[in-house]
PDB file of N, CA and C in Angstrom:
ATOM      1  N   MET A   1     -74.291  14.190  -2.821  1.00  0.00           N
ATOM      2  CA  MET A   1     -72.918  14.168  -3.087  1.00  0.00           C
ATOM      3  C   MET A   1     -72.455  12.674  -3.039  1.00  0.00           C
ATOM      4  N   LYS A   2     -71.276  12.318  -3.575  1.00  0.00           N
ATOM      5  CA  LYS A   2     -71.314  11.074  -3.905  1.00  0.00           C
ATOM      6  C   LYS A   2     -70.060  10.844  -2.262  1.00  0.00           C
ATOM      7  N   PRO A   3     -70.586   9.811  -1.606  1.00  0.00           N
ATOM      8  CA  PRO A   3     -69.774   9.322  -0.144  1.00  0.00           C
ATOM      9  C   PRO A   3     -67.977   9.444  -0.180  1.00  0.00           C
ATOM     10  N   ASP A   4     -67.635   9.054  -1.759  1.00  0.00           N
ATOM     11  CA  ASP A   4     -66.102   9.266  -1.658  1.00  0.00           C
ATOM     12  C   ASP A   4     -65.784  10.624  -1.635  1.00  0.00           C
ATOM     13  N   ILE A   5     -66.257  11.200  -2.614  1.00  0.00           N
ATOM     14  CA  ILE A   5     -66.158  12.809  -2.735  1.00  0.00           C
ATOM     15  C   ILE A   5     -65.998  13.298  -1.076  1.00  0.00           C
ATOM     16  N   ASP A   6     -66.995  12.859  -0.338  1.00  0.00           N
ATOM     17  CA  ASP A   6     -66.894  13.755   0.785  1.00  0.00           C
ATOM     18  C   ASP A   6     -65.876  13.375   1.610  1.00  0.00           C
ATOM     19  N   ILE A   7     -65.617  11.783   1.611  1.00  0.00           N
ATOM     20  CA  ILE A   7     -64.269  11.699   2.565  1.00  0.00           C
ATOM     21  C   ILE A   7     -63.172  12.254   2.350  1.00  0.00           C
ATOM     22  N   ILE A   8     -62.779  12.176   0.477  1.00  0.00           N
ATOM     23  CA  ILE A   8     -61.500  13.032   0.312  1.00  0.00           C
ATOM     24  C   ILE A   8     -61.601  14.549   0.939  1.00  0.00           C
ATOM     25  N   LEU A   9     -62.840  15.229   0.740  1.00  0.00           N
ATOM     26  CA  LEU A   9     -62.460  16.746   1.031  1.00  0.00           C
ATOM     27  C   LEU A   9     -62.620  16.690   2.431  1.00  0.00           C
ATOM     28  N   GLU A  10     -63.140  15.464   3.532  1.00  0.00           N
ATOM     29  CA  GLU A  10     -62.909  15.440   4.826  1.00  0.00           C
ATOM     30  C   GLU A  10     -61.153  15.413   5.258  1.00  0.00           C
ATOM     31  N   LYS A  11     -60.777  14.640   4.539  1.00  0.00           N
ATOM     32  CA  LYS A  11     -59.658  13.981   4.424  1.00  0.00           C
ATOM     33  C   LYS A  11     -58.851  15.221   4.181  1.00  0.00           C
ATOM     34  N   GLY A  12     -58.849  16.756   3.375  1.00  0.00           N
ATOM     35  CA  GLY A  12     -58.333  17.295   2.734  1.00  0.00           C
ATOM     36  C   GLY A  12     -57.256  17.268   2.036  1.00  0.00           C
ATOM     37  N   ASP A  13     -57.059  15.568   1.587  1.00  0.00           N
ATOM     38  CA  ASP A  13     -55.543  15.591   0.499  1.00  0.00           C
ATOM     39  C   ASP A  13     -55.552  16.192  -0.742  1.00  0.00           C
ATOM     40  N   ILE A  14     -55.170  17.559  -0.738  1.00  0.00           N
ATOM     41  CA  ILE A  14     -55.357  17.786  -2.055  1.00  0.00           C
ATOM     42  C   ILE A  14     -54.876  17.088  -3.320  1.00  0.00           C
ATOM     43  N   LYS A  15     -53.957  16.385  -3.424  1.00  0.00           N
ATOM     44  CA  LYS A  15     -53.788  15.658  -4.575  1.00  0.00           C
ATOM     45  C   LYS A  15     -54.895  14.458  -5.133  1.00  0.00           C
ATOM     46  N   ALA A  16     -55.612  13.690  -3.733  1.00  0.00           N
ATOM     47  CA  ALA A  16     -56.675  13.497  -3.856  1.00  0.00           C
ATOM     48  C   ALA A  16     -57.918  13.799  -5.115  1.00  0.00           C
ATOM     49  N   ILE A  17     -58.070  15.100  -4.407  1.00  0.00           N
ATOM     50  CA  ILE A  17     -59.328  16.046  -4.830  1.00  0.00           C
ATOM     51  C   ILE A  17     -58.741  16.683  -6.012  1.00  0.00           C
ATOM     52  N   SER A  18     -57.316  17.274  -6.289  1.00  0.00           N
ATOM     53  CA  SER A  18     -57.214  17.657  -7.545  1.00  0.00           C
ATOM     54  C   SER A  18     -57.884  16.522  -8.888  1.00  0.00           C
ATOM     55  N   GLN A  19     -56.976  15.086  -7.952  1.00  0.00           N
ATOM     56  CA  GLN A  19     -57.372  13.919  -9.452  1.00  0.00           C
ATOM     57  C   GLN A  19     -59.016  13.840  -9.115  1.00  0.00           C
ATOM     58  N   VAL A  20     -59.991  13.796  -8.570  1.00  0.00           N
ATOM     59  CA  VAL A  20     -61.387  13.790  -8.536  1.00  0.00           C
ATOM     60  C   VAL A  20     -62.001  14.826  -9.460  1.00  0.00           C
ATOM     61  N   PHE A  21     -61.630  15.632  -8.980  1.00  0.00           N
ATOM     62  CA  PHE A  21     -62.481  16.889  -9.976  1.00  0.00           C
ATOM     63  C   PHE A  21     -61.765  17.327 -11.059  1.00  0.00           C
ATOM     64  N   ASP A  22     -60.489  16.442 -11.190  1.00  0.00           N
ATOM     65  CA  ASP A  22     -60.068  16.811 -13.049  1.00  0.00           C
ATOM     66  C   ASP A  22     -60.957  16.001 -13.584  1.00  0.00           C
ATOM     67  N   GLU A  23     -61.280  14.828 -13.037  1.00  0.00           N
ATOM     68  CA  GLU A  23     -62.590  14.017 -13.862  1.00  0.00           C
ATOM     69  C   GLU A  23     -63.467  14.333 -13.796  1.00  0.00           C
ATOM     70  N   LEU A  24     -63.883  15.472 -13.429  1.00  0.00           N
ATOM     71  CA  LEU A  24     -65.898  15.411 -13.418  1.00  0.00           C
ATOM     72  C   LEU A  24     -65.649  16.475 -14.267  1.00  0.00           C
ATOM     73  N   HIS A  25     -67.580  16.526 -14.752  1.00  0.00           N
ATOM     74  CA  HIS A  25     -67.855  17.665 -16.030  1.00  0.00           C
ATOM     75  C   HIS A  25     -67.973  18.987 -15.092  1.00  0.00           C
ATOM     76  N   PRO A  26     -68.124  20.175 -15.544  1.00  0.00           N
ATOM     77  CA  PRO A  26     -67.938  21.310 -14.521  1.00  0.00           C
ATOM     78  C   PRO A  26     -69.540  21.266 -13.871  1.00  0.00           C
ATOM     79  N   ALA A  27     -70.681  20.769 -14.448  1.00  0.00           N
ATOM     80  CA  ALA A  27     -71.736  20.807 -14.008  1.00  0.00           C
ATOM     81  C   ALA A  27     -72.037  19.815 -12.489  1.00  0.00           C
ATOM     82  N   ASP A  28     -70.793  18.653 -12.782  1.00  0.00           N
ATOM     83  CA  ASP A  28     -71.043  17.806 -11.956  1.00  0.00           C
ATOM     84  C   ASP A  28     -70.317  18.640 -10.284  1.00  0.00           C
ATOM     85  N   ILE A  29     -68.792  19.329 -11.202  1.00  0.00           N
ATOM     86  CA  ILE A  29     -68.144  19.876  -9.882  1.00  0.00           C
ATOM     87  C   ILE A  29     -68.941  21.150  -8.973  1.00  0.00           C
ATOM     88  N   ALA A  30     -70.065  21.785  -9.775  1.00  0.00           N
ATOM     89  CA  ALA A  30     -70.643  22.541  -9.324  1.00  0.00           C
ATOM     90  C   ALA A  30     -72.350  22.126  -8.204  1.00  0.00           C
ATOM     91  N   GLU A  31     -72.665  20.908  -9.145  1.00  0.00           N
ATOM     92  CA  GLU A  31     -73.672  20.158  -7.527  1.00  0.00           C
ATOM     93  C   GLU A  31     -72.898  19.752  -6.534  1.00  0.00           C
ATOM     94  N   VAL A  32     -71.110  19.649  -6.687  1.00  0.00           N
ATOM     95  CA  VAL A  32     -70.275  19.102  -5.438  1.00  0.00           C
ATOM     96  C   VAL A  32     -70.809  20.547  -4.590  1.00  0.00           C
ATOM     97  N   ILE A  33     -70.289  21.454  -5.010  1.00  0.00           N
ATOM     98  CA  ILE A  33     -70.192  22.608  -4.323  1.00  0.00           C
ATOM     99  C   ILE A  33     -70.854  23.347  -3.963  1.00  0.00           C
ATOM    100  N   GLU A  34     -72.473  22.598  -4.320  1.00  0.00           N
ATOM    101  CA  GLU A  34     -73.765  23.243  -3.934  1.00  0.00           C
ATOM    102  C   GLU A  34     -74.183  22.471  -2.957  1.00  0.00           C
ATOM    103  N   LEU A  35     -73.734  21.352  -2.693  1.00  0.00           N
ATOM    104  CA  LEU A  35     -73.866  20.212  -0.931  1.00  0.00           C
ATOM    105  C   LEU A  35     -72.469  19.887  -0.615  1.00  0.00           C
ATOM    106  N   THR A  36     -71.904  20.719  -0.727  1.00  0.00           N
ATOM    107  CA  THR A  36     -70.750  20.859   0.455  1.00  0.00           C
ATOM    108  C   THR A  36     -70.739  21.542   1.576  1.00  0.00           C
ATOM    109  N   ASP A  37     -70.560  21.347   2.592  1.00  0.00           N
ATOM    110  CA  ASP A  37     -70.275  22.602   3.709  1.00  0.00           C
ATOM    111  C   ASP A  37     -69.217  23.459   2.908  1.00  0.00           C
ATOM    112  N   ASP A  38     -69.205  24.899   3.414  1.00  0.00           N
ATOM    113  CA  ASP A  38     -68.662  25.599   3.347  1.00  0.00           C
ATOM    114  C   ASP A  38     -67.093  25.760   3.683  1.00  0.00           C
ATOM    115  N   LYS A  39     -66.934  24.722   4.703  1.00  0.00           N
ATOM    116  CA  LYS A  39     -65.145  24.433   5.303  1.00  0.00           C
ATOM    117  C   LYS A  39     -64.935  24.190   3.549  1.00  0.00           C
ATOM    118  N   HIS A  40     -65.094  23.365   2.917  1.00  0.00           N
ATOM    119  CA  HIS A  40     -64.287  22.521   2.049  1.00  0.00           C
ATOM    120  C   HIS A  40     -64.867  23.340   0.472  1.00  0.00           C
ATOM    121  N   LEU A  41     -65.048  24.341   0.578  1.00  0.00           N
ATOM    122  CA  LEU A  41     -65.065  25.486  -0.947  1.00  0.00           C
ATOM    123  C   LEU A  41     -64.011  25.329  -1.098  1.00  0.00           C
ATOM    124  N   GLY A  42     -62.987  26.026  -0.020  1.00  0.00           N
ATOM    125  CA  GLY A  42     -61.379  26.802  -0.205  1.00  0.00           C
ATOM    126  C   GLY A  42     -60.793  25.776  -0.811  1.00  0.00           C
ATOM    127  N   LEU A  43     -61.028  24.229  -0.300  1.00  0.00           N
ATOM    128  CA  LEU A  43     -60.160  23.260  -0.887  1.00  0.00           C
ATOM    129  C   LEU A  43     -60.480  23.071  -2.631  1.00  0.00           C
ATOM    130  N   ILE A  44     -61.488  22.875  -3.189  1.00  0.00           N
ATOM    131  CA  ILE A  44     -62.602  23.139  -4.270  1.00  0.00           C
ATOM    132  C   ILE A  44     -61.449  23.583  -4.911  1.00  0.00           C
ATOM    133  N   VAL A  45     -61.892  25.162  -4.924  1.00  0.00           N
ATOM    134  CA  VAL A  45     -61.317  26.133  -5.149  1.00  0.00           C
ATOM    135  C   VAL A  45     -59.985  26.261  -5.604  1.00  0.00           C
ATOM    136  N   ASP A  46     -59.271  25.752  -4.683  1.00  0.00           N
ATOM    137  CA  ASP A  46     -57.739  25.901  -4.735  1.00  0.00           C
ATOM    138  C   ASP A  46     -56.839  24.706  -5.478  1.00  0.00           C
ATOM    139  N   VAL A  47     -58.021  23.578  -5.991  1.00  0.00           N
ATOM    140  CA  VAL A  47     -57.521  22.442  -6.934  1.00  0.00           C
ATOM    141  C   VAL A  47     -58.477  22.835  -8.274  1.00  0.00           C
ATOM    142  N   LEU A  48     -58.845  24.202  -8.698  1.00  0.00           N
ATOM    143  CA  LEU A  48     -59.465  24.419  -9.673  1.00  0.00           C
ATOM    144  C   LEU A  48     -58.600  25.399 -10.529  1.00  0.00           C
ATOM    145  N   SER A  49     -58.230  25.228 -11.857  1.00  0.00           N
ATOM    146  CA  SER A  49     -57.616  26.362 -12.441  1.00  0.00           C
ATOM    147  C   SER A  49     -58.778  27.143 -12.486  1.00  0.00           C
ATOM    148  N   PRO A  50     -58.251  28.875 -13.330  1.00  0.00           N
ATOM    149  CA  PRO A  50     -58.868  29.775 -13.449  1.00  0.00           C
ATOM    150  C   PRO A  50     -59.985  29.241 -14.276  1.00  0.00           C
ATOM    151  N   GLU A  51     -59.755  28.372 -15.223  1.00  0.00           N
ATOM    152  CA  GLU A  51     -60.597  27.942 -16.662  1.00  0.00           C
ATOM    153  C   GLU A  51     -61.622  27.007 -16.565  1.00  0.00           C
ATOM    154  N   ALA A  52     -61.016  26.426 -15.036  1.00  0.00           N
ATOM    155  CA  ALA A  52     -62.248  25.729 -14.933  1.00  0.00           C
ATOM    156  C   ALA A  52     -63.418  25.929 -14.117  1.00  0.00           C
ATOM    157  N   LEU A  53     -62.306  27.172 -13.368  1.00  0.00           N
ATOM    158  CA  LEU A  53     -63.830  27.857 -12.065  1.00  0.00           C
ATOM    159  C   LEU A  53     -64.861  28.419 -13.023  1.00  0.00           C
ATOM    160  N   LYS A  54     -64.640  29.267 -13.898  1.00  0.00           N
ATOM    161  CA  LYS A  54     -65.344  30.100 -14.964  1.00  0.00           C
ATOM    162  C   LYS A  54     -66.222  29.101 -15.329  1.00  0.00           C
ATOM    163  N   ASP A  55     -65.972  27.784 -16.015  1.00  0.00           N
ATOM    164  CA  ASP A  55     -67.275  26.633 -16.357  1.00  0.00           C
ATOM    165  C   ASP A  55     -67.818  26.205 -15.127  1.00  0.00           C
ATOM    166  N   VAL A  56     -67.313  26.159 -14.422  1.00  0.00           N
ATOM    167  CA  VAL A  56     -68.312  25.580 -13.076  1.00  0.00           C
ATOM    168  C   VAL A  56     -69.339  27.022 -12.765  1.00  0.00           C
ATOM    169  N   PHE A  57     -68.481  28.282 -12.576  1.00  0.00           N
ATOM    170  CA  PHE A  57     -69.439  29.247 -12.207  1.00  0.00           C
ATOM    171  C   PHE A  57     -70.760  29.017 -12.744  1.00  0.00           C
ATOM    172  N   GLU A  58     -70.701  28.709 -14.461  1.00  0.00           N
ATOM    173  CA  GLU A  58     -71.826  28.790 -15.559  1.00  0.00           C
ATOM    174  C   GLU A  58     -72.886  28.209 -14.795  1.00  0.00           C
ATOM    175  N   PHE A  59     -72.427  26.687 -13.759  1.00  0.00           N
ATOM    176  CA  PHE A  59     -73.945  25.801 -13.444  1.00  0.00           C
ATOM    177  C   PHE A  59     -74.180  26.344 -12.411  1.00  0.00           C
ATOM    178  N   LEU A  60     -73.576  26.899 -11.100  1.00  0.00           N
ATOM    179  CA  LEU A  60     -73.880  27.065 -10.092  1.00  0.00           C
ATOM    180  C   LEU A  60     -75.284  28.069  -9.979  1.00  0.00           C
ATOM    181  N   ASP A  61     -76.077  27.463  -9.065  1.00  0.00           N
ATOM    182  CA  ASP A  61     -77.218  28.575  -8.822  1.00  0.00           C
ATOM    183  C   ASP A  61     -76.664  29.926  -7.992  1.00  0.00           C
ATOM    184  N   GLU A  62     -77.733  30.937  -8.293  1.00  0.00           N
ATOM    185  CA  GLU A  62     -77.349  31.941  -7.457  1.00  0.00           C
ATOM    186  C   GLU A  62     -76.958  31.680  -6.356  1.00  0.00           C
ATOM    187  N   GLU A  63     -78.012  31.075  -5.361  1.00  0.00           N
ATOM    188  CA  GLU A  63     -76.954  30.829  -3.916  1.00  0.00           C
ATOM    189  C   GLU A  63     -76.131  30.508  -3.936  1.00  0.00           C
ATOM    190  N   SER A  64     -75.582  29.718  -4.749  1.00  0.00           N
ATOM    191  CA  SER A  64     -74.188  29.180  -4.638  1.00  0.00           C
ATOM    192  C   SER A  64     -73.629  30.463  -4.630  1.00  0.00           C
ATOM    193  N   GLU A  65     -73.397  30.977  -6.157  1.00  0.00           N
ATOM    194  CA  GLU A  65     -72.837  32.128  -6.745  1.00  0.00           C
ATOM    195  C   GLU A  65     -72.280  33.364  -5.352  1.00  0.00           C
ATOM    196  N   ILE A  66     -73.364  33.119  -4.308  1.00  0.00           N
ATOM    197  CA  ILE A  66     -73.290  34.007  -3.079  1.00  0.00           C
ATOM    198  C   ILE A  66     -72.045  33.786  -2.251  1.00  0.00           C
ATOM    199  N   LYS A  67     -72.139  32.448  -2.116  1.00  0.00           N
ATOM    200  CA  LYS A  67     -71.328  31.793  -0.954  1.00  0.00           C
ATOM    201  C   LYS A  67     -69.801  32.486  -1.132  1.00  0.00           C
TER     202      LYS A  67
END
């Protein structure tokens, strides 16, 4: 995961998280989800629209889908 995304997630800055994830491809968001700590998953889900979540879900591996 890119260090800047990790830092933004750690700070919990919803506006910054939203801006970063708005610019990422769903496959890249899926990669971040696969690499992030469980404590940050809620933040990621909160900033994504239902349609974006659907698109991201297509790129997640089975283990991540179970989280």
